[in-house]
Amino acid sequence: MTEKNERLGAFPFVIAGVSFIPVIGIPFGLVSLIWGIVTKKKGGNKLALVGGLGIMFTIVLYAGLFYFGFVKRDGIYDDLRIKSAQSGLNNVVQALEFYKVQHGS
């Protein structure tokens, strides 16, 4: 049998499936992407596609989180940002008052 007619086993596709786990999946996606491009076996293109999609999933997920968390205004996260800022200011005031009590100024 020639190598082109051989099929990839399940293991490479499991590695490619792990690439959909955010952050830790990027190295697995790169491995499966390269593996799919380099292999001469049947299914290499599908393996590369799944690995690439896993990497894109992580990029899109974190881009969305960044956008909604830091860029977008007038959304549901504005209240959370206000509460977080207020909490931080309360902690700073408390620490300053404690320092003043301890050191006299």
PDB file of N, CA and C in Angstrom:
ATOM      1  N   MET A   1       0.826  -1.180   0.000  1.00  0.00           N
ATOM      2  CA  MET A   1       0.000   0.000   0.000  1.00  0.00           C
ATOM      3  C   MET A   1       0.873   1.249   0.000  1.00  0.00           C
ATOM      4  N   THR A   2       0.544   2.232  -0.781  1.00  0.00           N
ATOM      5  CA  THR A   2       1.329   3.461  -0.797  1.00  0.00           C
ATOM      6  C   THR A   2       0.944   4.326   0.396  1.00  0.00           C
ATOM      7  N   GLU A   3       1.830   5.224   0.720  1.00  0.00           N
ATOM      8  CA  GLU A   3       1.605   6.065   1.890  1.00  0.00           C
ATOM      9  C   GLU A   3       0.428   7.012   1.685  1.00  0.00           C
ATOM     10  N   LYS A   4       0.141   7.420   0.460  1.00  0.00           N
ATOM     11  CA  LYS A   4      -0.963   8.351   0.180  1.00  0.00           C
ATOM     12  C   LYS A   4      -2.313   7.702   0.481  1.00  0.00           C
ATOM     13  N   ASN A   5      -2.415   6.378   0.337  1.00  0.00           N
ATOM     14  CA  ASN A   5      -3.678   5.699   0.588  1.00  0.00           C
ATOM     15  C   ASN A   5      -3.907   5.400   2.067  1.00  0.00           C
ATOM     16  N   GLU A   6      -2.869   5.509   2.869  1.00  0.00           N
ATOM     17  CA  GLU A   6      -3.040   5.286   4.297  1.00  0.00           C
ATOM     18  C   GLU A   6      -3.810   6.452   4.893  1.00  0.00           C
ATOM     19  N   ARG A   7      -4.602   6.146   5.907  1.00  0.00           N
ATOM     20  CA  ARG A   7      -5.382   7.188   6.574  1.00  0.00           C
ATOM     21  C   ARG A   7      -4.737   7.534   7.904  1.00  0.00           C
ATOM     22  N   LEU A   8      -4.970   8.764   8.320  1.00  0.00           N
ATOM     23  CA  LEU A   8      -4.521   9.176   9.652  1.00  0.00           C
ATOM     24  C   LEU A   8      -5.381   8.467  10.688  1.00  0.00           C
ATOM     25  N   GLY A   9      -4.787   8.141  11.804  1.00  0.00           N
ATOM     26  CA  GLY A   9      -5.547   7.518  12.878  1.00  0.00           C
ATOM     27  C   GLY A   9      -6.356   8.553  13.649  1.00  0.00           C
ATOM     28  N   ALA A  10      -6.890   8.135  14.770  1.00  0.00           N
ATOM     29  CA  ALA A  10      -7.705   9.019  15.596  1.00  0.00           C
ATOM     30  C   ALA A  10      -6.854   9.967  16.438  1.00  0.00           C
ATOM     31  N   PHE A  11      -5.642   9.550  16.798  1.00  0.00           N
ATOM     32  CA  PHE A  11      -4.802  10.352  17.685  1.00  0.00           C
ATOM     33  C   PHE A  11      -4.541  11.776  17.180  1.00  0.00           C
ATOM     34  N   PRO A  12      -4.179  11.951  15.901  1.00  0.00           N
ATOM     35  CA  PRO A  12      -3.960  13.329  15.432  1.00  0.00           C
ATOM     36  C   PRO A  12      -5.211  14.199  15.553  1.00  0.00           C
ATOM     37  N   PHE A  13      -6.377  13.604  15.363  1.00  0.00           N
ATOM     38  CA  PHE A  13      -7.611  14.375  15.460  1.00  0.00           C
ATOM     39  C   PHE A  13      -7.975  14.681  16.915  1.00  0.00           C
ATOM     40  N   VAL A  14      -7.551  13.827  17.835  1.00  0.00           N
ATOM     41  CA  VAL A  14      -7.727  14.139  19.257  1.00  0.00           C
ATOM     42  C   VAL A  14      -6.856  15.339  19.619  1.00  0.00           C
ATOM     43  N   ILE A  15      -5.629  15.340  19.138  1.00  0.00           N
ATOM     44  CA  ILE A  15      -4.726  16.483  19.359  1.00  0.00           C
ATOM     45  C   ILE A  15      -5.356  17.744  18.768  1.00  0.00           C
ATOM     46  N   ALA A  16      -5.916  17.635  17.572  1.00  0.00           N
ATOM     47  CA  ALA A  16      -6.556  18.790  16.939  1.00  0.00           C
ATOM     48  C   ALA A  16      -7.785  19.229  17.733  1.00  0.00           C
ATOM     49  N   GLY A  17      -8.515  18.297  18.317  1.00  0.00           N
ATOM     50  CA  GLY A  17      -9.678  18.644  19.129  1.00  0.00           C
ATOM     51  C   GLY A  17      -9.300  19.393  20.391  1.00  0.00           C
ATOM     52  N   VAL A  18      -8.146  19.062  20.961  1.00  0.00           N
ATOM     53  CA  VAL A  18      -7.668  19.752  22.161  1.00  0.00           C
ATOM     54  C   VAL A  18      -7.349  21.204  21.836  1.00  0.00           C
ATOM     55  N   SER A  19      -7.130  21.510  20.580  1.00  0.00           N
ATOM     56  CA  SER A  19      -6.798  22.884  20.202  1.00  0.00           C
ATOM     57  C   SER A  19      -7.960  23.846  20.427  1.00  0.00           C
ATOM     58  N   PHE A  20      -9.146  23.339  20.683  1.00  0.00           N
ATOM     59  CA  PHE A  20     -10.292  24.206  20.960  1.00  0.00           C
ATOM     60  C   PHE A  20     -10.355  24.646  22.417  1.00  0.00           C
ATOM     61  N   ILE A  21      -9.457  24.162  23.257  1.00  0.00           N
ATOM     62  CA  ILE A  21      -9.381  24.632  24.641  1.00  0.00           C
ATOM     63  C   ILE A  21      -8.620  25.950  24.623  1.00  0.00           C
ATOM     64  N   PRO A  22      -9.234  27.034  25.128  1.00  0.00           N
ATOM     65  CA  PRO A  22      -8.565  28.341  25.051  1.00  0.00           C
ATOM     66  C   PRO A  22      -7.186  28.331  25.713  1.00  0.00           C
ATOM     67  N   VAL A  23      -6.287  29.083  25.179  1.00  0.00           N
ATOM     68  CA  VAL A  23      -4.900  29.308  25.578  1.00  0.00           C
ATOM     69  C   VAL A  23      -4.045  28.047  25.434  1.00  0.00           C
ATOM     70  N   ILE A  24      -4.332  26.984  26.200  1.00  0.00           N
ATOM     71  CA  ILE A  24      -3.472  25.800  26.122  1.00  0.00           C
ATOM     72  C   ILE A  24      -3.649  25.058  24.808  1.00  0.00           C
ATOM     73  N   GLY A  25      -4.705  25.362  24.077  1.00  0.00           N
ATOM     74  CA  GLY A  25      -4.942  24.687  22.818  1.00  0.00           C
ATOM     75  C   GLY A  25      -4.118  25.207  21.658  1.00  0.00           C
ATOM     76  N   ILE A  26      -3.558  26.390  21.801  1.00  0.00           N
ATOM     77  CA  ILE A  26      -2.786  26.973  20.696  1.00  0.00           C
ATOM     78  C   ILE A  26      -1.588  26.096  20.311  1.00  0.00           C
ATOM     79  N   PRO A  27      -0.781  25.619  21.266  1.00  0.00           N
ATOM     80  CA  PRO A  27       0.315  24.726  20.850  1.00  0.00           C
ATOM     81  C   PRO A  27      -0.184  23.439  20.183  1.00  0.00           C
ATOM     82  N   PHE A  28      -1.288  22.895  20.694  1.00  0.00           N
ATOM     83  CA  PHE A  28      -1.845  21.685  20.080  1.00  0.00           C
ATOM     84  C   PHE A  28      -2.363  21.991  18.677  1.00  0.00           C
ATOM     85  N   GLY A  29      -2.943  23.164  18.505  1.00  0.00           N
ATOM     86  CA  GLY A  29      -3.407  23.573  17.183  1.00  0.00           C
ATOM     87  C   GLY A  29      -2.265  23.730  16.211  1.00  0.00           C
ATOM     88  N   LEU A  30      -1.163  24.310  16.680  1.00  0.00           N
ATOM     89  CA  LEU A  30       0.011  24.457  15.817  1.00  0.00           C
ATOM     90  C   LEU A  30       0.579  23.101  15.417  1.00  0.00           C
ATOM     91  N   VAL A  31       0.641  22.191  16.386  1.00  0.00           N
ATOM     92  CA  VAL A  31       1.156  20.842  16.087  1.00  0.00           C
ATOM     93  C   VAL A  31       0.277  20.157  15.055  1.00  0.00           C
ATOM     94  N   SER A  32      -1.040  20.208  15.255  1.00  0.00           N
ATOM     95  CA  SER A  32      -1.925  19.522  14.308  1.00  0.00           C
ATOM     96  C   SER A  32      -1.946  20.227  12.952  1.00  0.00           C
ATOM     97  N   LEU A  33      -1.795  21.542  12.949  1.00  0.00           N
ATOM     98  CA  LEU A  33      -1.733  22.277  11.691  1.00  0.00           C
ATOM     99  C   LEU A  33      -0.500  21.860  10.891  1.00  0.00           C
ATOM    100  N   ILE A  34       0.651  21.840  11.546  1.00  0.00           N
ATOM    101  CA  ILE A  34       1.891  21.443  10.873  1.00  0.00           C
ATOM    102  C   ILE A  34       1.839  19.971  10.476  1.00  0.00           C
ATOM    103  N   TRP A  35       1.330  19.142  11.384  1.00  0.00           N
ATOM    104  CA  TRP A  35       1.215  17.707  11.107  1.00  0.00           C
ATOM    105  C   TRP A  35       0.338  17.475   9.878  1.00  0.00           C
ATOM    106  N   GLY A  36      -0.779  18.194   9.790  1.00  0.00           N
ATOM    107  CA  GLY A  36      -1.675  18.040   8.652  1.00  0.00           C
ATOM    108  C   GLY A  36      -1.068  18.501   7.348  1.00  0.00           C
ATOM    109  N   ILE A  37      -0.246  19.548   7.400  1.00  0.00           N
ATOM    110  CA  ILE A  37       0.385  20.050   6.185  1.00  0.00           C
ATOM    111  C   ILE A  37       1.512  19.126   5.726  1.00  0.00           C
ATOM    112  N   VAL A  38       2.294  18.610   6.680  1.00  0.00           N
ATOM    113  CA  VAL A  38       3.479  17.815   6.352  1.00  0.00           C
ATOM    114  C   VAL A  38       3.130  16.384   5.945  1.00  0.00           C
ATOM    115  N   THR A  39       2.085  15.811   6.527  1.00  0.00           N
ATOM    116  CA  THR A  39       1.789  14.397   6.275  1.00  0.00           C
ATOM    117  C   THR A  39       1.328  14.161   4.840  1.00  0.00           C
ATOM    118  N   LYS A  40       1.639  12.991   4.358  1.00  0.00           N
ATOM    119  CA  LYS A  40       1.212  12.580   3.017  1.00  0.00           C
ATOM    120  C   LYS A  40       0.000  11.662   3.100  1.00  0.00           C
ATOM    121  N   LYS A  41      -0.442  11.367   4.313  1.00  0.00           N
ATOM    122  CA  LYS A  41      -1.553  10.441   4.489  1.00  0.00           C
ATOM    123  C   LYS A  41      -2.883  11.126   4.204  1.00  0.00           C
ATOM    124  N   LYS A  42      -3.878  10.296   3.933  1.00  0.00           N
ATOM    125  CA  LYS A  42      -5.218  10.779   3.659  1.00  0.00           C
ATOM    126  C   LYS A  42      -5.788  11.435   4.920  1.00  0.00           C
ATOM    127  N   GLY A  43      -6.412  12.580   4.780  1.00  0.00           N
ATOM    128  CA  GLY A  43      -6.991  13.285   5.921  1.00  0.00           C
ATOM    129  C   GLY A  43      -6.110  14.377   6.482  1.00  0.00           C
ATOM    130  N   GLY A  44      -4.956  14.598   5.881  1.00  0.00           N
ATOM    131  CA  GLY A  44      -4.043  15.632   6.361  1.00  0.00           C
ATOM    132  C   GLY A  44      -4.635  17.024   6.245  1.00  0.00           C
ATOM    133  N   ASN A  45      -5.363  17.262   5.156  1.00  0.00           N
ATOM    134  CA  ASN A  45      -5.988  18.568   4.984  1.00  0.00           C
ATOM    135  C   ASN A  45      -7.041  18.826   6.055  1.00  0.00           C
ATOM    136  N   LYS A  46      -7.803  17.789   6.384  1.00  0.00           N
ATOM    137  CA  LYS A  46      -8.827  17.936   7.434  1.00  0.00           C
ATOM    138  C   LYS A  46      -8.179  18.196   8.789  1.00  0.00           C
ATOM    139  N   LEU A  47      -7.078  17.523   9.056  1.00  0.00           N
ATOM    140  CA  LEU A  47      -6.361  17.718  10.309  1.00  0.00           C
ATOM    141  C   LEU A  47      -5.845  19.147  10.413  1.00  0.00           C
ATOM    142  N   ALA A  48      -5.275  19.663   9.337  1.00  0.00           N
ATOM    143  CA  ALA A  48      -4.788  21.041   9.333  1.00  0.00           C
ATOM    144  C   ALA A  48      -5.940  22.023   9.510  1.00  0.00           C
ATOM    145  N   LEU A  49      -7.073  21.738   8.911  1.00  0.00           N
ATOM    146  CA  LEU A  49      -8.238  22.606   9.035  1.00  0.00           C
ATOM    147  C   LEU A  49      -8.744  22.648  10.477  1.00  0.00           C
ATOM    148  N   VAL A  50      -8.849  21.487  11.104  1.00  0.00           N
ATOM    149  CA  VAL A  50      -9.329  21.441  12.488  1.00  0.00           C
ATOM    150  C   VAL A  50      -8.352  22.158  13.419  1.00  0.00           C
ATOM    151  N   GLY A  51      -7.063  21.963  13.226  1.00  0.00           N
ATOM    152  CA  GLY A  51      -6.068  22.661  14.036  1.00  0.00           C
ATOM    153  C   GLY A  51      -6.137  24.167  13.851  1.00  0.00           C
ATOM    154  N   GLY A  52      -6.284  24.612  12.620  1.00  0.00           N
ATOM    155  CA  GLY A  52      -6.404  26.036  12.341  1.00  0.00           C
ATOM    156  C   GLY A  52      -7.673  26.632  12.933  1.00  0.00           C
ATOM    157  N   LEU A  53      -8.771  25.884  12.863  1.00  0.00           N
ATOM    158  CA  LEU A  53     -10.027  26.358  13.455  1.00  0.00           C
ATOM    159  C   LEU A  53      -9.923  26.467  14.972  1.00  0.00           C
ATOM    160  N   GLY A  54      -9.191  25.548  15.593  1.00  0.00           N
ATOM    161  CA  GLY A  54      -8.994  25.621  17.039  1.00  0.00           C
ATOM    162  C   GLY A  54      -8.222  26.862  17.445  1.00  0.00           C
ATOM    163  N   ILE A  55      -7.206  27.193  16.671  1.00  0.00           N
ATOM    164  CA  ILE A  55      -6.435  28.416  16.947  1.00  0.00           C
ATOM    165  C   ILE A  55      -7.318  29.645  16.737  1.00  0.00           C
ATOM    166  N   MET A  56      -8.086  29.660  15.651  1.00  0.00           N
ATOM    167  CA  MET A  56      -8.972  30.794  15.385  1.00  0.00           C
ATOM    168  C   MET A  56     -10.030  30.948  16.478  1.00  0.00           C
ATOM    169  N   PHE A  57     -10.515  29.833  17.016  1.00  0.00           N
ATOM    170  CA  PHE A  57     -11.495  29.891  18.096  1.00  0.00           C
ATOM    171  C   PHE A  57     -10.927  30.633  19.295  1.00  0.00           C
ATOM    172  N   THR A  58      -9.705  30.329  19.682  1.00  0.00           N
ATOM    173  CA  THR A  58      -9.069  31.002  20.815  1.00  0.00           C
ATOM    174  C   THR A  58      -8.884  32.487  20.524  1.00  0.00           C
ATOM    175  N   ILE A  59      -8.455  32.820  19.326  1.00  0.00           N
ATOM    176  CA  ILE A  59      -8.237  34.228  18.968  1.00  0.00           C
ATOM    177  C   ILE A  59      -9.555  35.000  19.014  1.00  0.00           C
ATOM    178  N   VAL A  60     -10.603  34.437  18.429  1.00  0.00           N
ATOM    179  CA  VAL A  60     -11.901  35.115  18.405  1.00  0.00           C
ATOM    180  C   VAL A  60     -12.468  35.243  19.818  1.00  0.00           C
ATOM    181  N   LEU A  61     -12.325  34.207  20.629  1.00  0.00           N
ATOM    182  CA  LEU A  61     -12.832  34.242  21.999  1.00  0.00           C
ATOM    183  C   LEU A  61     -12.161  35.342  22.807  1.00  0.00           C
ATOM    184  N   TYR A  62     -10.846  35.399  22.775  1.00  0.00           N
ATOM    185  CA  TYR A  62     -10.139  36.403  23.568  1.00  0.00           C
ATOM    186  C   TYR A  62     -10.288  37.807  22.993  1.00  0.00           C
ATOM    187  N   ALA A  63     -10.429  37.927  21.681  1.00  0.00           N
ATOM    188  CA  ALA A  63     -10.693  39.241  21.094  1.00  0.00           C
ATOM    189  C   ALA A  63     -12.055  39.756  21.550  1.00  0.00           C
ATOM    190  N   GLY A  64     -13.042  38.876  21.586  1.00  0.00           N
ATOM    191  CA  GLY A  64     -14.365  39.266  22.067  1.00  0.00           C
ATOM    192  C   GLY A  64     -14.351  39.663  23.533  1.00  0.00           C
ATOM    193  N   LEU A  65     -13.658  38.892  24.349  1.00  0.00           N
ATOM    194  CA  LEU A  65     -13.553  39.236  25.765  1.00  0.00           C
ATOM    195  C   LEU A  65     -12.857  40.577  25.955  1.00  0.00           C
ATOM    196  N   PHE A  66     -11.800  40.827  25.190  1.00  0.00           N
ATOM    197  CA  PHE A  66     -11.098  42.107  25.284  1.00  0.00           C
ATOM    198  C   PHE A  66     -12.014  43.252  24.864  1.00  0.00           C
ATOM    199  N   TYR A  67     -12.725  43.058  23.767  1.00  0.00           N
ATOM    200  CA  TYR A  67     -13.599  44.113  23.267  1.00  0.00           C
ATOM    201  C   TYR A  67     -14.695  44.442  24.279  1.00  0.00           C
ATOM    202  N   PHE A  68     -15.398  43.430  24.749  1.00  0.00           N
ATOM    203  CA  PHE A  68     -16.500  43.683  25.675  1.00  0.00           C
ATOM    204  C   PHE A  68     -16.010  44.131  27.044  1.00  0.00           C
ATOM    205  N   GLY A  69     -14.816  43.735  27.431  1.00  0.00           N
ATOM    206  CA  GLY A  69     -14.305  44.101  28.741  1.00  0.00           C
ATOM    207  C   GLY A  69     -13.641  45.451  28.799  1.00  0.00           C
ATOM    208  N   PHE A  70     -12.978  45.883  27.724  1.00  0.00           N
ATOM    209  CA  PHE A  70     -12.179  47.102  27.793  1.00  0.00           C
ATOM    210  C   PHE A  70     -12.584  48.192  26.802  1.00  0.00           C
ATOM    211  N   VAL A  71     -13.138  47.830  25.671  1.00  0.00           N
ATOM    212  CA  VAL A  71     -13.374  48.804  24.615  1.00  0.00           C
ATOM    213  C   VAL A  71     -14.814  49.300  24.587  1.00  0.00           C
ATOM    214  N   LYS A  72     -15.756  48.386  24.572  1.00  0.00           N
ATOM    215  CA  LYS A  72     -17.164  48.739  24.399  1.00  0.00           C
ATOM    216  C   LYS A  72     -17.673  49.538  25.590  1.00  0.00           C
ATOM    217  N   ARG A  73     -18.393  50.600  25.306  1.00  0.00           N
ATOM    218  CA  ARG A  73     -18.995  51.436  26.339  1.00  0.00           C
ATOM    219  C   ARG A  73     -20.516  51.327  26.250  1.00  0.00           C
ATOM    220  N   ASP A  74     -21.179  51.739  27.309  1.00  0.00           N
ATOM    221  CA  ASP A  74     -22.641  51.719  27.405  1.00  0.00           C
ATOM    222  C   ASP A  74     -23.198  50.303  27.313  1.00  0.00           C
ATOM    223  N   GLY A  75     -22.481  49.358  27.838  1.00  0.00           N
ATOM    224  CA  GLY A  75     -22.952  47.983  27.834  1.00  0.00           C
ATOM    225  C   GLY A  75     -23.169  47.491  29.256  1.00  0.00           C
ATOM    226  N   ILE A  76     -23.364  46.218  29.382  1.00  0.00           N
ATOM    227  CA  ILE A  76     -23.633  45.638  30.696  1.00  0.00           C
ATOM    228  C   ILE A  76     -22.397  45.638  31.589  1.00  0.00           C
ATOM    229  N   TYR A  77     -21.223  45.822  31.006  1.00  0.00           N
ATOM    230  CA  TYR A  77     -20.002  45.784  31.804  1.00  0.00           C
ATOM    231  C   TYR A  77     -19.656  47.133  32.435  1.00  0.00           C
ATOM    232  N   ASP A  78     -20.354  48.199  32.034  1.00  0.00           N
ATOM    233  CA  ASP A  78     -20.082  49.505  32.622  1.00  0.00           C
ATOM    234  C   ASP A  78     -20.331  49.502  34.128  1.00  0.00           C
ATOM    235  N   ASP A  79     -21.415  48.881  34.563  1.00  0.00           N
ATOM    236  CA  ASP A  79     -21.709  48.815  35.998  1.00  0.00           C
ATOM    237  C   ASP A  79     -20.613  48.056  36.742  1.00  0.00           C
ATOM    238  N   LEU A  80     -20.107  47.002  36.144  1.00  0.00           N
ATOM    239  CA  LEU A  80     -19.040  46.239  36.785  1.00  0.00           C
ATOM    240  C   LEU A  80     -17.761  47.053  36.891  1.00  0.00           C
ATOM    241  N   ARG A  81     -17.452  47.834  35.849  1.00  0.00           N
ATOM    242  CA  ARG A  81     -16.270  48.692  35.894  1.00  0.00           C
ATOM    243  C   ARG A  81     -16.411  49.754  36.976  1.00  0.00           C
ATOM    244  N   ILE A  82     -17.605  50.325  37.110  1.00  0.00           N
ATOM    245  CA  ILE A  82     -17.850  51.342  38.131  1.00  0.00           C
ATOM    246  C   ILE A  82     -17.696  50.739  39.521  1.00  0.00           C
ATOM    247  N   LYS A  83     -18.279  49.570  39.745  1.00  0.00           N
ATOM    248  CA  LYS A  83     -18.168  48.910  41.052  1.00  0.00           C
ATOM    249  C   LYS A  83     -16.723  48.538  41.365  1.00  0.00           C
ATOM    250  N   SER A  84     -15.982  48.088  40.360  1.00  0.00           N
ATOM    251  CA  SER A  84     -14.583  47.731  40.569  1.00  0.00           C
ATOM    252  C   SER A  84     -13.754  48.962  40.923  1.00  0.00           C
ATOM    253  N   ALA A  85     -13.987  50.069  40.237  1.00  0.00           N
ATOM    254  CA  ALA A  85     -13.260  51.308  40.542  1.00  0.00           C
ATOM    255  C   ALA A  85     -13.601  51.809  41.937  1.00  0.00           C
ATOM    256  N   GLN A  86     -14.872  51.739  42.305  1.00  0.00           N
ATOM    257  CA  GLN A  86     -15.293  52.192  43.632  1.00  0.00           C
ATOM    258  C   GLN A  86     -14.667  51.329  44.723  1.00  0.00           C
ATOM    259  N   SER A  87     -14.612  50.032  44.504  1.00  0.00           N
ATOM    260  CA  SER A  87     -14.003  49.124  45.465  1.00  0.00           C
ATOM    261  C   SER A  87     -12.511  49.421  45.617  1.00  0.00           C
ATOM    262  N   GLY A  88     -11.838  49.655  44.493  1.00  0.00           N
ATOM    263  CA  GLY A  88     -10.417  49.994  44.548  1.00  0.00           C
ATOM    264  C   GLY A  88     -10.162  51.287  45.302  1.00  0.00           C
ATOM    265  N   LEU A  89     -10.993  52.299  45.050  1.00  0.00           N
ATOM    266  CA  LEU A  89     -10.847  53.569  45.766  1.00  0.00           C
ATOM    267  C   LEU A  89     -11.107  53.399  47.263  1.00  0.00           C
ATOM    268  N   ASN A  90     -12.104  52.612  47.612  1.00  0.00           N
ATOM    269  CA  ASN A  90     -12.390  52.357  49.032  1.00  0.00           C
ATOM    270  C   ASN A  90     -11.203  51.691  49.717  1.00  0.00           C
ATOM    271  N   ASN A  91     -10.562  50.761  49.041  1.00  0.00           N
ATOM    272  CA  ASN A  91      -9.396  50.083  49.616  1.00  0.00           C
ATOM    273  C   ASN A  91      -8.226  51.041  49.798  1.00  0.00           C
ATOM    274  N   VAL A  92      -8.025  51.943  48.832  1.00  0.00           N
ATOM    275  CA  VAL A  92      -6.930  52.906  48.927  1.00  0.00           C
ATOM    276  C   VAL A  92      -7.173  53.864  50.088  1.00  0.00           C
ATOM    277  N   VAL A  93      -8.393  54.362  50.229  1.00  0.00           N
ATOM    278  CA  VAL A  93      -8.718  55.285  51.331  1.00  0.00           C
ATOM    279  C   VAL A  93      -8.513  54.593  52.664  1.00  0.00           C
ATOM    280  N   GLN A  94      -8.955  53.363  52.781  1.00  0.00           N
ATOM    281  CA  GLN A  94      -8.794  52.612  54.030  1.00  0.00           C
ATOM    282  C   GLN A  94      -7.310  52.423  54.360  1.00  0.00           C
ATOM    283  N   ALA A  95      -6.506  52.097  53.357  1.00  0.00           N
ATOM    284  CA  ALA A  95      -5.075  51.903  53.584  1.00  0.00           C
ATOM    285  C   ALA A  95      -4.401  53.208  53.985  1.00  0.00           C
ATOM    286  N   LEU A  96      -4.796  54.311  53.376  1.00  0.00           N
ATOM    287  CA  LEU A  96      -4.230  55.612  53.739  1.00  0.00           C
ATOM    288  C   LEU A  96      -4.593  56.004  55.171  1.00  0.00           C
ATOM    289  N   GLU A  97      -5.820  55.778  55.551  1.00  0.00           N
ATOM    290  CA  GLU A  97      -6.254  56.095  56.918  1.00  0.00           C
ATOM    291  C   GLU A  97      -5.515  55.221  57.933  1.00  0.00           C
ATOM    292  N   PHE A  98      -5.320  53.961  57.618  1.00  0.00           N
ATOM    293  CA  PHE A  98      -4.576  53.068  58.518  1.00  0.00           C
ATOM    294  C   PHE A  98      -3.124  53.529  58.662  1.00  0.00           C
ATOM    295  N   TYR A  99      -2.514  53.923  57.554  1.00  0.00           N
ATOM    296  CA  TYR A  99      -1.148  54.443  57.588  1.00  0.00           C
ATOM    297  C   TYR A  99      -1.070  55.698  58.447  1.00  0.00           C
ATOM    298  N   LYS A 100      -2.068  56.581  58.322  1.00  0.00           N
ATOM    299  CA  LYS A 100      -2.092  57.807  59.084  1.00  0.00           C
ATOM    300  C   LYS A 100      -2.214  57.530  60.574  1.00  0.00           C
ATOM    301  N   VAL A 101      -3.027  56.560  60.945  1.00  0.00           N
ATOM    302  CA  VAL A 101      -3.181  56.198  62.355  1.00  0.00           C
ATOM    303  C   VAL A 101      -1.873  55.618  62.897  1.00  0.00           C
ATOM    304  N   GLN A 102      -1.191  54.804  62.114  1.00  0.00           N
ATOM    305  CA  GLN A 102       0.042  54.169  62.550  1.00  0.00           C
ATOM    306  C   GLN A 102       1.211  55.157  62.666  1.00  0.00           C
ATOM    307  N   HIS A 103       1.326  56.052  61.706  1.00  0.00           N
ATOM    308  CA  HIS A 103       2.505  56.911  61.609  1.00  0.00           C
ATOM    309  C   HIS A 103       2.254  58.371  61.984  1.00  0.00           C
ATOM    310  N   GLY A 104       1.032  58.734  62.241  1.00  0.00           N
ATOM    311  CA  GLY A 104       0.728  60.083  62.705  1.00  0.00           C
ATOM    312  C   GLY A 104       0.553  61.110  61.603  1.00  0.00           C
ATOM    313  N   SER A 105       0.889  60.812  60.400  1.00  0.00           N
ATOM    314  CA  SER A 105       0.672  61.767  59.296  1.00  0.00           C
ATOM    315  C   SER A 105       0.554  61.029  57.987  1.00  0.00           C
TER     316      SER A 105
END
